[in-house]
């Protein structure tokens, strides 16, 4: 039985997008899945013509890059947030889904289900950077709000999700899992 998620599949392709070759074992470690799961992911990638697998490592194809670019999210770096539990944090911006956000609990729950210690949603409402339902980052943490705006170029249609965990791969998986819940 394979144990991986859409978030793991996306992250594997994302890692390969930097253009460097990487081995299957190293890629599995970076994503946080077992080698059997990574073998299955790579079989699908090869079947879809997303990767080239050689003895020197795995590399992404133009088709793989084109597919990755079609997914309406991107991983971003923002300052560490006190409101997100965990030693490691990862932010993801999801484009065009802000209308699906109510109070952020669904995204928090998706992140927790993925193993996170915490998961926070950030939206832009009426020009204010908000943690739903009513925490105004522009008023409470203006320096962090400024940096988030600068790093993300967030619009009123977009959502930022920040996952936190005891390991980097948990924070990444949490943020991506919550993001995929919106797509």
N, C-alpha and C. Protein backbone atom coordinates (compact mmCIF):
# COMPACT_ATOMS: atom_id res chain seq x y z
N UNK A 1 0.84 -1.18 0.00
CA UNK A 1 0.00 0.00 0.00
C UNK A 1 0.89 1.25 0.00
N UNK A 2 0.58 2.18 -0.88
CA UNK A 2 1.36 3.40 -0.98
C UNK A 2 0.77 4.45 -0.06
N UNK A 3 1.64 5.20 0.58
CA UNK A 3 1.20 6.22 1.52
C UNK A 3 1.77 7.57 1.09
N UNK A 4 1.03 8.21 0.21
CA UNK A 4 1.41 9.55 -0.20
C UNK A 4 0.15 10.32 -0.60
N UNK A 5 0.29 11.62 -0.62
CA UNK A 5 -0.85 12.50 -0.90
C UNK A 5 -0.58 13.33 -2.14
N UNK A 6 -1.60 14.07 -2.57
CA UNK A 6 -1.42 15.02 -3.67
C UNK A 6 -0.32 16.02 -3.32
N UNK A 7 -0.26 16.40 -2.05
CA UNK A 7 0.78 17.34 -1.61
C UNK A 7 2.17 16.75 -1.83
N UNK A 8 2.33 15.46 -1.55
CA UNK A 8 3.63 14.81 -1.76
C UNK A 8 3.99 14.76 -3.24
N UNK A 9 3.01 14.49 -4.07
CA UNK A 9 3.24 14.43 -5.52
C UNK A 9 3.66 15.81 -6.04
N UNK A 10 2.92 16.84 -5.62
CA UNK A 10 3.25 18.21 -6.02
C UNK A 10 4.67 18.56 -5.56
N UNK A 11 4.98 18.28 -4.29
CA UNK A 11 6.27 18.67 -3.74
C UNK A 11 7.42 17.95 -4.45
N UNK A 12 7.23 16.72 -4.81
CA UNK A 12 8.28 16.00 -5.54
C UNK A 12 8.57 16.70 -6.87
N UNK A 13 7.52 17.07 -7.59
CA UNK A 13 7.70 17.78 -8.86
C UNK A 13 8.31 19.16 -8.63
N UNK A 14 7.88 19.83 -7.57
CA UNK A 14 8.41 21.15 -7.21
C UNK A 14 9.91 21.08 -6.96
N UNK A 15 10.34 20.06 -6.22
CA UNK A 15 11.77 19.90 -5.93
C UNK A 15 12.55 19.73 -7.24
N UNK A 16 12.02 18.93 -8.14
CA UNK A 16 12.70 18.68 -9.41
C UNK A 16 12.73 19.91 -10.31
N UNK A 17 11.82 20.86 -10.08
CA UNK A 17 11.70 22.04 -10.94
C UNK A 17 12.92 22.95 -10.88
N UNK A 18 13.79 22.77 -9.90
CA UNK A 18 14.98 23.63 -9.84
C UNK A 18 16.02 23.25 -10.90
N UNK A 19 15.76 22.15 -11.63
CA UNK A 19 16.63 21.77 -12.74
C UNK A 19 17.78 20.86 -12.36
N UNK A 20 17.99 20.63 -11.08
CA UNK A 20 19.08 19.75 -10.65
C UNK A 20 18.61 18.30 -10.63
N UNK A 21 19.50 17.40 -10.99
CA UNK A 21 19.19 15.97 -10.92
C UNK A 21 19.25 15.53 -9.46
N UNK A 22 18.36 14.61 -9.12
CA UNK A 22 18.35 14.07 -7.76
C UNK A 22 18.01 12.59 -7.83
N UNK A 23 18.56 11.82 -6.92
CA UNK A 23 18.27 10.39 -6.87
C UNK A 23 16.94 10.11 -6.20
N UNK A 24 16.41 8.92 -6.45
CA UNK A 24 15.11 8.54 -5.89
C UNK A 24 15.12 8.54 -4.36
N UNK A 25 16.16 7.98 -3.78
CA UNK A 25 16.24 7.90 -2.32
C UNK A 25 16.28 9.30 -1.71
N UNK A 26 17.08 10.17 -2.25
CA UNK A 26 17.19 11.55 -1.75
C UNK A 26 15.87 12.29 -1.93
N UNK A 27 15.22 12.10 -3.06
CA UNK A 27 13.94 12.75 -3.32
C UNK A 27 12.89 12.26 -2.31
N UNK A 28 12.88 10.97 -2.04
CA UNK A 28 11.94 10.42 -1.05
C UNK A 28 12.18 11.04 0.32
N UNK A 29 13.44 11.18 0.70
CA UNK A 29 13.77 11.81 1.99
C UNK A 29 13.30 13.26 2.03
N UNK A 30 13.55 14.00 0.95
CA UNK A 30 13.17 15.41 0.91
C UNK A 30 11.66 15.59 1.00
N UNK A 31 10.92 14.72 0.34
CA UNK A 31 9.46 14.81 0.34
C UNK A 31 8.88 14.27 1.65
N UNK A 32 9.58 13.30 2.24
CA UNK A 32 9.09 12.72 3.49
C UNK A 32 8.21 11.50 3.28
N UNK A 33 8.47 10.76 2.20
CA UNK A 33 7.74 9.52 1.92
C UNK A 33 8.74 8.37 1.82
N UNK A 34 8.24 7.16 1.86
CA UNK A 34 9.09 5.99 1.72
C UNK A 34 9.55 5.80 0.28
N UNK A 35 10.57 4.98 0.11
CA UNK A 35 11.10 4.74 -1.23
C UNK A 35 10.09 4.05 -2.14
N UNK A 36 9.27 3.17 -1.60
CA UNK A 36 8.23 2.51 -2.41
C UNK A 36 7.22 3.51 -2.93
N UNK A 37 6.82 4.43 -2.08
CA UNK A 37 5.88 5.47 -2.50
C UNK A 37 6.52 6.35 -3.57
N UNK A 38 7.79 6.71 -3.35
CA UNK A 38 8.45 7.55 -4.34
C UNK A 38 8.61 6.81 -5.66
N UNK A 39 8.87 5.52 -5.62
CA UNK A 39 8.97 4.73 -6.84
C UNK A 39 7.65 4.82 -7.62
N UNK A 40 6.53 4.70 -6.92
CA UNK A 40 5.21 4.78 -7.56
C UNK A 40 4.96 6.17 -8.14
N UNK A 41 5.30 7.21 -7.38
CA UNK A 41 5.15 8.58 -7.87
C UNK A 41 5.97 8.76 -9.15
N UNK A 42 7.20 8.30 -9.13
CA UNK A 42 8.08 8.46 -10.29
C UNK A 42 7.61 7.64 -11.48
N UNK A 43 7.01 6.47 -11.24
CA UNK A 43 6.43 5.69 -12.34
C UNK A 43 5.35 6.51 -13.05
N UNK A 44 4.50 7.15 -12.26
CA UNK A 44 3.44 7.99 -12.86
C UNK A 44 4.05 9.19 -13.59
N UNK A 45 5.03 9.84 -12.98
CA UNK A 45 5.68 10.97 -13.64
C UNK A 45 6.28 10.56 -14.98
N UNK A 46 6.92 9.39 -15.00
CA UNK A 46 7.52 8.91 -16.26
C UNK A 46 6.42 8.60 -17.28
N UNK A 47 5.35 7.96 -16.82
CA UNK A 47 4.21 7.64 -17.69
C UNK A 47 3.61 8.90 -18.31
N UNK A 48 3.57 9.98 -17.54
CA UNK A 48 3.02 11.26 -18.02
C UNK A 48 4.06 12.12 -18.73
N UNK A 49 5.28 11.61 -18.87
CA UNK A 49 6.38 12.33 -19.50
C UNK A 49 6.78 13.59 -18.73
N UNK A 50 6.69 13.53 -17.39
CA UNK A 50 7.06 14.66 -16.54
C UNK A 50 8.52 14.60 -16.10
N UNK A 51 9.13 13.42 -16.15
CA UNK A 51 10.52 13.28 -15.71
C UNK A 51 11.29 12.37 -16.66
N UNK A 52 12.61 12.52 -16.57
CA UNK A 52 13.53 11.61 -17.23
C UNK A 52 14.33 10.96 -16.10
N UNK A 53 14.34 9.63 -16.09
CA UNK A 53 15.05 8.91 -15.05
C UNK A 53 16.26 8.23 -15.68
N UNK A 54 17.43 8.62 -15.19
CA UNK A 54 18.69 8.03 -15.65
C UNK A 54 19.48 7.58 -14.43
N UNK A 55 20.55 6.86 -14.67
CA UNK A 55 21.39 6.40 -13.58
C UNK A 55 22.00 7.57 -12.82
N UNK A 56 22.15 8.70 -13.47
CA UNK A 56 22.73 9.89 -12.85
C UNK A 56 21.71 10.69 -12.05
N UNK A 57 20.45 10.28 -12.09
CA UNK A 57 19.43 10.97 -11.32
C UNK A 57 18.17 11.26 -12.12
N UNK A 58 17.23 11.90 -11.48
CA UNK A 58 15.92 12.22 -12.06
C UNK A 58 15.90 13.70 -12.38
N UNK A 59 15.39 14.02 -13.55
CA UNK A 59 15.24 15.43 -13.92
C UNK A 59 13.85 15.65 -14.50
N UNK A 60 13.39 16.88 -14.39
CA UNK A 60 12.06 17.24 -14.85
C UNK A 60 12.10 17.58 -16.34
N UNK A 61 11.01 17.32 -17.03
CA UNK A 61 10.90 17.66 -18.46
C UNK A 61 10.13 18.97 -18.62
N UNK A 62 10.08 19.47 -19.84
CA UNK A 62 9.28 20.66 -20.13
C UNK A 62 7.81 20.41 -19.83
N UNK A 63 7.34 19.19 -20.11
CA UNK A 63 5.94 18.84 -19.81
C UNK A 63 5.69 18.88 -18.31
N UNK A 64 6.65 18.41 -17.52
CA UNK A 64 6.53 18.45 -16.07
C UNK A 64 6.49 19.87 -15.54
N UNK A 65 7.35 20.72 -16.09
CA UNK A 65 7.35 22.13 -15.70
C UNK A 65 6.04 22.81 -16.10
N UNK A 66 5.55 22.51 -17.29
CA UNK A 66 4.30 23.12 -17.76
C UNK A 66 3.13 22.70 -16.86
N UNK A 67 3.11 21.43 -16.46
CA UNK A 67 2.05 20.95 -15.57
C UNK A 67 2.13 21.67 -14.23
N UNK A 68 3.32 21.77 -13.68
CA UNK A 68 3.52 22.42 -12.39
C UNK A 68 3.04 23.87 -12.42
N UNK A 69 3.32 24.57 -13.51
CA UNK A 69 2.92 25.97 -13.65
C UNK A 69 1.40 26.14 -13.73
N UNK A 70 0.68 25.11 -14.14
CA UNK A 70 -0.78 25.18 -14.25
C UNK A 70 -1.47 25.08 -12.90
N UNK A 71 -0.79 24.57 -11.89
CA UNK A 71 -1.38 24.42 -10.57
C UNK A 71 -1.39 25.80 -9.91
N UNK A 72 -2.56 26.26 -9.45
CA UNK A 72 -2.68 27.64 -8.98
C UNK A 72 -2.15 27.87 -7.56
N UNK A 73 -0.92 27.46 -7.33
CA UNK A 73 -0.30 27.74 -6.04
C UNK A 73 1.19 27.84 -6.21
N UNK A 74 1.83 28.47 -5.24
CA UNK A 74 3.28 28.50 -5.23
C UNK A 74 3.76 28.60 -3.78
N UNK A 75 4.86 27.98 -3.51
CA UNK A 75 5.45 28.04 -2.18
C UNK A 75 6.18 29.37 -2.04
N UNK A 76 6.02 30.00 -0.88
CA UNK A 76 6.65 31.30 -0.65
C UNK A 76 7.33 31.30 0.72
N UNK A 77 8.23 32.24 0.89
CA UNK A 77 8.91 32.41 2.17
C UNK A 77 8.40 33.69 2.81
N UNK A 78 7.93 33.56 4.03
CA UNK A 78 7.48 34.72 4.80
C UNK A 78 8.10 34.64 6.19
N UNK A 79 8.03 35.73 6.96
CA UNK A 79 8.57 35.67 8.33
C UNK A 79 7.82 34.64 9.17
N UNK A 80 8.51 34.09 10.16
CA UNK A 80 7.89 33.13 11.06
C UNK A 80 6.77 33.83 11.83
N UNK A 81 5.63 33.15 11.92
CA UNK A 81 4.47 33.70 12.61
C UNK A 81 4.33 33.09 13.99
N UNK A 82 4.11 33.92 14.99
CA UNK A 82 3.90 33.42 16.35
C UNK A 82 2.61 32.62 16.46
N UNK A 83 1.66 32.89 15.56
CA UNK A 83 0.36 32.22 15.63
C UNK A 83 0.38 30.80 15.07
N UNK A 84 1.50 30.39 14.49
CA UNK A 84 1.61 29.04 13.92
C UNK A 84 2.56 28.21 14.79
N UNK A 85 2.04 27.12 15.33
CA UNK A 85 2.86 26.24 16.16
C UNK A 85 3.84 25.45 15.32
N UNK A 86 4.99 25.12 15.91
CA UNK A 86 5.98 24.30 15.23
C UNK A 86 7.28 25.04 15.02
N UNK A 87 8.37 24.30 15.08
CA UNK A 87 9.69 24.89 14.88
C UNK A 87 9.93 25.31 13.44
N UNK A 88 9.26 24.61 12.51
CA UNK A 88 9.41 24.91 11.09
C UNK A 88 8.08 25.40 10.55
N UNK A 89 8.15 26.34 9.61
CA UNK A 89 6.94 26.85 8.97
C UNK A 89 7.15 26.93 7.47
N UNK A 90 6.07 26.70 6.73
CA UNK A 90 6.09 26.85 5.27
C UNK A 90 4.81 27.54 4.85
N UNK A 91 4.95 28.53 3.99
CA UNK A 91 3.80 29.26 3.47
C UNK A 91 3.57 28.88 2.01
N UNK A 92 2.30 28.85 1.64
CA UNK A 92 1.87 28.57 0.27
C UNK A 92 0.81 29.60 -0.09
N UNK A 93 0.92 30.19 -1.26
CA UNK A 93 -0.14 31.07 -1.74
C UNK A 93 -0.96 30.30 -2.77
N UNK A 94 -2.28 30.37 -2.60
CA UNK A 94 -3.20 29.69 -3.50
C UNK A 94 -3.98 30.79 -4.21
N UNK A 95 -3.93 30.77 -5.53
CA UNK A 95 -4.52 31.84 -6.31
C UNK A 95 -5.99 31.61 -6.61
N UNK A 96 -6.79 32.67 -6.45
CA UNK A 96 -8.18 32.67 -6.90
C UNK A 96 -9.17 31.89 -6.06
N UNK A 97 -8.88 31.63 -4.79
CA UNK A 97 -9.80 30.82 -3.98
C UNK A 97 -10.27 31.51 -2.70
N UNK A 98 -10.02 32.81 -2.57
CA UNK A 98 -10.36 33.51 -1.33
C UNK A 98 -11.85 33.43 -1.01
N UNK A 99 -12.69 33.32 -2.01
CA UNK A 99 -14.14 33.24 -1.77
C UNK A 99 -14.52 31.97 -1.02
N UNK A 100 -13.62 30.98 -0.98
CA UNK A 100 -13.90 29.72 -0.28
C UNK A 100 -13.55 29.79 1.21
N UNK A 101 -12.94 30.90 1.65
CA UNK A 101 -12.49 31.01 3.03
C UNK A 101 -13.57 31.67 3.89
N UNK A 102 -13.89 30.98 4.97
CA UNK A 102 -14.82 31.53 5.95
C UNK A 102 -14.02 31.97 7.17
N UNK A 103 -13.71 31.02 8.04
CA UNK A 103 -12.97 31.35 9.25
C UNK A 103 -11.60 30.68 9.32
N UNK A 104 -11.22 29.93 8.30
CA UNK A 104 -9.91 29.29 8.26
C UNK A 104 -9.82 27.96 9.00
N UNK A 105 -10.89 27.54 9.64
CA UNK A 105 -10.85 26.30 10.42
C UNK A 105 -10.69 25.07 9.54
N UNK A 106 -11.32 25.08 8.38
CA UNK A 106 -11.21 23.93 7.47
C UNK A 106 -9.76 23.74 7.03
N UNK A 107 -9.07 24.83 6.74
CA UNK A 107 -7.67 24.74 6.33
C UNK A 107 -6.79 24.31 7.50
N UNK A 108 -7.08 24.84 8.70
CA UNK A 108 -6.34 24.42 9.88
C UNK A 108 -6.50 22.91 10.09
N UNK A 109 -7.73 22.44 9.97
CA UNK A 109 -7.99 21.01 10.17
C UNK A 109 -7.27 20.16 9.12
N UNK A 110 -7.24 20.62 7.87
CA UNK A 110 -6.53 19.88 6.81
C UNK A 110 -5.04 19.81 7.13
N UNK A 111 -4.47 20.90 7.64
CA UNK A 111 -3.07 20.91 8.01
C UNK A 111 -2.78 20.00 9.18
N UNK A 112 -3.64 20.03 10.18
CA UNK A 112 -3.48 19.17 11.35
C UNK A 112 -3.59 17.69 10.94
N UNK A 113 -4.55 17.40 10.07
CA UNK A 113 -4.72 16.03 9.59
C UNK A 113 -3.46 15.53 8.87
N UNK A 114 -2.73 16.46 8.23
CA UNK A 114 -1.50 16.11 7.53
C UNK A 114 -0.31 15.98 8.49
N UNK A 115 -0.55 16.22 9.78
CA UNK A 115 0.50 16.04 10.77
C UNK A 115 1.08 17.31 11.35
N UNK A 116 0.51 18.46 11.01
CA UNK A 116 1.05 19.73 11.47
C UNK A 116 0.78 19.96 12.95
N UNK A 117 1.61 20.80 13.55
CA UNK A 117 1.34 21.29 14.90
C UNK A 117 0.36 22.45 14.84
N UNK A 118 0.36 23.17 13.72
CA UNK A 118 -0.53 24.30 13.53
C UNK A 118 -0.61 24.69 12.07
N UNK A 119 -1.66 25.40 11.72
CA UNK A 119 -1.86 25.83 10.33
C UNK A 119 -2.74 27.07 10.35
N UNK A 120 -2.29 28.13 9.71
CA UNK A 120 -3.00 29.41 9.72
C UNK A 120 -3.30 29.86 8.30
N UNK A 121 -4.45 30.49 8.13
CA UNK A 121 -4.88 31.03 6.84
C UNK A 121 -4.80 32.55 6.89
N UNK A 122 -4.32 33.15 5.81
CA UNK A 122 -4.22 34.61 5.70
C UNK A 122 -4.90 35.03 4.40
N UNK A 123 -5.75 36.07 4.48
CA UNK A 123 -6.42 36.60 3.30
C UNK A 123 -6.32 38.13 3.31
N UNK A 124 -6.61 38.72 2.19
CA UNK A 124 -6.66 40.17 2.06
C UNK A 124 -8.14 40.55 1.92
N UNK A 125 -8.67 41.25 2.92
CA UNK A 125 -10.08 41.65 2.91
C UNK A 125 -10.19 43.16 3.11
N UNK A 126 -10.86 43.79 2.18
CA UNK A 126 -11.04 45.25 2.25
C UNK A 126 -9.70 45.96 2.44
N UNK A 127 -8.68 45.46 1.77
CA UNK A 127 -7.36 46.07 1.82
C UNK A 127 -6.53 45.71 3.03
N UNK A 128 -7.09 44.93 3.95
CA UNK A 128 -6.38 44.54 5.17
C UNK A 128 -5.95 43.07 5.11
N UNK A 129 -4.73 42.82 5.56
CA UNK A 129 -4.24 41.45 5.65
C UNK A 129 -4.82 40.85 6.93
N UNK A 130 -5.60 39.80 6.78
CA UNK A 130 -6.38 39.25 7.89
C UNK A 130 -6.10 37.77 8.10
N UNK A 131 -6.11 37.36 9.37
CA UNK A 131 -6.21 35.95 9.75
C UNK A 131 -7.68 35.80 10.14
N UNK A 132 -8.46 35.09 9.30
CA UNK A 132 -9.89 35.01 9.56
C UNK A 132 -10.20 34.40 10.92
N UNK A 133 -11.27 34.84 11.56
CA UNK A 133 -12.25 35.74 10.98
C UNK A 133 -11.95 37.22 11.17
N UNK A 134 -11.15 37.61 12.18
CA UNK A 134 -11.10 39.04 12.47
C UNK A 134 -9.77 39.57 13.00
N UNK A 135 -8.68 38.84 12.83
CA UNK A 135 -7.40 39.33 13.34
C UNK A 135 -6.69 40.10 12.23
N UNK A 136 -6.53 41.39 12.42
CA UNK A 136 -5.96 42.29 11.42
C UNK A 136 -4.45 42.36 11.57
N UNK A 137 -3.72 41.76 10.65
CA UNK A 137 -2.26 41.75 10.71
C UNK A 137 -1.67 43.14 10.48
N UNK A 138 -2.33 43.95 9.66
CA UNK A 138 -1.82 45.30 9.41
C UNK A 138 -1.79 46.13 10.69
N UNK A 139 -2.75 45.90 11.58
CA UNK A 139 -2.80 46.61 12.86
C UNK A 139 -1.93 45.96 13.92
N UNK A 140 -1.95 44.61 13.99
CA UNK A 140 -1.29 43.89 15.07
C UNK A 140 0.20 43.64 14.82
N UNK A 141 0.57 43.33 13.59
CA UNK A 141 1.97 43.04 13.24
C UNK A 141 2.30 43.68 11.89
N UNK A 142 2.36 45.02 11.87
CA UNK A 142 2.53 45.72 10.58
C UNK A 142 3.81 45.36 9.83
N UNK A 143 4.91 45.09 10.53
CA UNK A 143 6.16 44.75 9.84
C UNK A 143 6.02 43.41 9.12
N UNK A 144 5.43 42.45 9.79
CA UNK A 144 5.23 41.13 9.18
C UNK A 144 4.23 41.24 8.03
N UNK A 145 3.17 42.00 8.23
CA UNK A 145 2.16 42.19 7.17
C UNK A 145 2.81 42.81 5.93
N UNK A 146 3.67 43.80 6.13
CA UNK A 146 4.36 44.44 5.01
C UNK A 146 5.22 43.43 4.24
N UNK A 147 5.97 42.62 4.98
CA UNK A 147 6.85 41.63 4.35
C UNK A 147 6.03 40.58 3.60
N UNK A 148 4.92 40.13 4.19
CA UNK A 148 4.07 39.15 3.52
C UNK A 148 3.53 39.71 2.22
N UNK A 149 3.07 40.94 2.24
CA UNK A 149 2.57 41.57 1.01
C UNK A 149 3.67 41.63 -0.05
N UNK A 150 4.87 42.03 0.36
CA UNK A 150 6.00 42.18 -0.56
C UNK A 150 6.41 40.83 -1.15
N UNK A 151 6.49 39.80 -0.32
CA UNK A 151 6.95 38.49 -0.78
C UNK A 151 5.90 37.74 -1.60
N UNK A 152 4.63 38.00 -1.33
CA UNK A 152 3.58 37.19 -1.96
C UNK A 152 2.83 37.88 -3.09
N UNK A 153 2.80 39.20 -3.09
CA UNK A 153 1.95 39.95 -4.02
C UNK A 153 0.50 39.47 -3.95
N UNK A 154 0.03 39.19 -2.75
CA UNK A 154 -1.32 38.68 -2.54
C UNK A 154 -2.37 39.68 -3.04
N UNK A 155 -3.44 39.15 -3.62
CA UNK A 155 -4.58 39.97 -4.03
C UNK A 155 -5.79 39.53 -3.20
N UNK A 156 -6.90 40.22 -3.36
CA UNK A 156 -8.13 39.90 -2.63
C UNK A 156 -8.69 38.53 -3.02
N UNK A 157 -8.22 37.97 -4.14
CA UNK A 157 -8.69 36.66 -4.60
C UNK A 157 -7.86 35.50 -4.06
N UNK A 158 -6.73 35.80 -3.44
CA UNK A 158 -5.76 34.78 -3.06
C UNK A 158 -5.81 34.45 -1.57
N UNK A 159 -5.20 33.33 -1.23
CA UNK A 159 -5.12 32.85 0.15
C UNK A 159 -3.68 32.42 0.42
N UNK A 160 -3.19 32.75 1.60
CA UNK A 160 -1.90 32.23 2.05
C UNK A 160 -2.19 31.26 3.19
N UNK A 161 -1.57 30.09 3.12
CA UNK A 161 -1.69 29.11 4.18
C UNK A 161 -0.29 28.84 4.72
N UNK A 162 -0.17 28.87 6.04
CA UNK A 162 1.12 28.63 6.69
C UNK A 162 0.98 27.40 7.57
N UNK A 163 1.76 26.37 7.23
CA UNK A 163 1.78 25.15 8.03
C UNK A 163 2.99 25.14 8.94
N UNK A 164 2.83 24.56 10.12
CA UNK A 164 3.94 24.48 11.06
C UNK A 164 4.09 23.08 11.62
N UNK A 165 5.33 22.68 11.86
CA UNK A 165 5.56 21.35 12.41
C UNK A 165 6.95 21.21 12.99
N UNK A 166 7.20 20.07 13.57
CA UNK A 166 8.49 19.78 14.19
C UNK A 166 9.60 19.50 13.19
N UNK A 167 9.22 19.23 11.95
CA UNK A 167 10.19 19.02 10.86
C UNK A 167 9.72 19.81 9.64
N UNK A 168 10.66 20.19 8.81
CA UNK A 168 10.33 20.99 7.63
C UNK A 168 9.34 20.27 6.73
N UNK A 169 9.54 18.96 6.50
CA UNK A 169 8.64 18.25 5.59
C UNK A 169 7.21 18.17 6.11
N UNK A 170 7.03 18.21 7.45
CA UNK A 170 5.68 18.24 8.01
C UNK A 170 5.02 19.58 7.75
N UNK A 171 5.77 20.67 7.95
CA UNK A 171 5.23 22.01 7.69
C UNK A 171 4.85 22.16 6.21
N UNK A 172 5.69 21.64 5.33
CA UNK A 172 5.44 21.71 3.89
C UNK A 172 4.19 20.90 3.54
N UNK A 173 4.13 19.68 4.04
CA UNK A 173 2.99 18.81 3.75
C UNK A 173 1.69 19.42 4.27
N UNK A 174 1.74 20.02 5.44
CA UNK A 174 0.54 20.64 6.02
C UNK A 174 0.05 21.80 5.17
N UNK A 175 0.96 22.69 4.79
CA UNK A 175 0.56 23.85 3.98
C UNK A 175 0.02 23.39 2.62
N UNK A 176 0.70 22.45 1.99
CA UNK A 176 0.25 21.98 0.69
C UNK A 176 -1.06 21.20 0.79
N UNK A 177 -1.24 20.40 1.83
CA UNK A 177 -2.48 19.65 2.00
C UNK A 177 -3.66 20.60 2.18
N UNK A 178 -3.49 21.62 2.99
CA UNK A 178 -4.55 22.62 3.18
C UNK A 178 -4.82 23.36 1.87
N UNK A 179 -3.76 23.63 1.11
CA UNK A 179 -3.93 24.31 -0.18
C UNK A 179 -4.70 23.45 -1.16
N UNK A 180 -4.34 22.17 -1.25
CA UNK A 180 -5.04 21.27 -2.16
C UNK A 180 -6.49 21.06 -1.77
N UNK A 181 -6.79 21.24 -0.51
CA UNK A 181 -8.18 21.17 -0.05
C UNK A 181 -9.01 22.30 -0.65
N UNK A 182 -8.36 23.39 -1.04
CA UNK A 182 -9.05 24.55 -1.62
C UNK A 182 -9.18 24.48 -3.14
N UNK A 183 -8.29 23.72 -3.76
CA UNK A 183 -8.25 23.70 -5.23
C UNK A 183 -9.31 22.76 -5.79
